[in-house]
Amino acid sequence: MFRSRPAAELRPHPSELIREGVRKVISEIEAQPRSFRSLAAGRGGGGKAVGWTSEALYRKAMGQR
């Protein structure tokens, strides 16, 4: 006699569907080449950035010039 399996055994468990989705997203992201930007570069006209010291910054912040 043929015994049928319950529907729960035929479809993937929800946690496995989540794992599969995460794997897919990660593989798509890793397939794209990475691009790096220097956050210190900023924007400007190419001139040298004005230097500062922690002491001068403290004095300016506290209102002492």
Protein backbone atom coordinates (compact mmCIF):
# COMPACT_ATOMS: atom_id res chain seq x y z
CA MET A 1 0.00 0.00 0.00
CA PHE A 2 1.30 3.45 -1.00
CA ARG A 3 1.59 5.91 1.81
CA SER A 4 1.63 9.60 0.95
CA ARG A 5 3.92 12.01 2.78
CA PRO A 6 2.45 15.02 4.57
CA ALA A 7 2.67 18.34 2.75
CA ALA A 8 5.00 19.69 5.44
CA GLU A 9 7.66 17.19 4.37
CA LEU A 10 7.39 18.18 0.72
CA ARG A 11 8.09 21.89 1.07
CA PRO A 12 11.22 23.45 2.58
CA HIS A 13 11.17 24.66 6.15
CA PRO A 14 10.83 28.48 6.49
CA SER A 15 14.28 28.76 8.08
CA GLU A 16 15.80 27.02 5.06
CA LEU A 17 14.03 29.48 2.74
CA ILE A 18 15.55 32.36 4.74
CA ARG A 19 19.02 30.80 4.55
CA GLU A 20 18.65 30.36 0.80
CA GLY A 21 17.58 34.00 0.41
CA VAL A 22 20.53 35.26 2.47
CA ARG A 23 22.95 33.13 0.41
CA LYS A 24 21.49 34.57 -2.80
CA VAL A 25 21.79 38.18 -1.63
CA ILE A 26 25.35 37.67 -0.42
CA SER A 27 26.41 36.00 -3.67
CA GLU A 28 24.92 38.88 -5.70
CA ILE A 29 26.73 41.47 -3.59
CA GLU A 30 30.04 39.61 -3.76
CA ALA A 31 29.73 39.33 -7.54
CA GLN A 32 29.93 43.13 -7.88
CA PRO A 33 33.38 44.69 -7.70
CA ARG A 34 34.02 46.67 -4.56
CA SER A 35 34.72 50.37 -4.73
CA PHE A 36 36.48 52.18 -1.94
CA ARG A 37 36.26 55.87 -1.15
CA SER A 38 38.41 57.75 1.26
CA LEU A 39 36.19 59.54 3.73
CA ALA A 40 39.10 61.82 4.56
CA ALA A 41 39.45 63.07 0.99
CA GLY A 42 36.41 65.32 1.23
CA ARG A 43 35.65 67.98 -1.35
CA GLY A 44 37.72 70.92 -2.31
CA GLY A 45 39.61 72.74 -5.00
CA GLY A 46 42.72 70.65 -4.65
CA GLY A 47 44.44 72.93 -2.17
CA LYS A 48 46.04 71.71 0.99
CA ALA A 49 43.70 71.27 3.94
CA VAL A 50 44.11 73.66 6.85
CA GLY A 51 45.74 71.93 9.78
CA TRP A 52 44.49 72.10 13.35
CA THR A 53 45.58 71.03 16.77
CA SER A 54 43.48 69.62 19.54
CA GLU A 55 44.45 72.53 21.81
CA ALA A 56 43.35 75.14 19.25
CA LEU A 57 40.10 73.27 18.68
CA TYR A 58 39.43 73.15 22.42
CA ARG A 59 40.10 76.88 22.80
CA LYS A 60 37.80 77.68 19.86
CA ALA A 61 35.03 75.41 21.20
CA MET A 62 35.25 77.02 24.64
CA GLY A 63 35.15 80.52 23.19
CA GLN A 64 38.79 81.36 23.92
CA ARG A 65 40.66 82.50 20.87
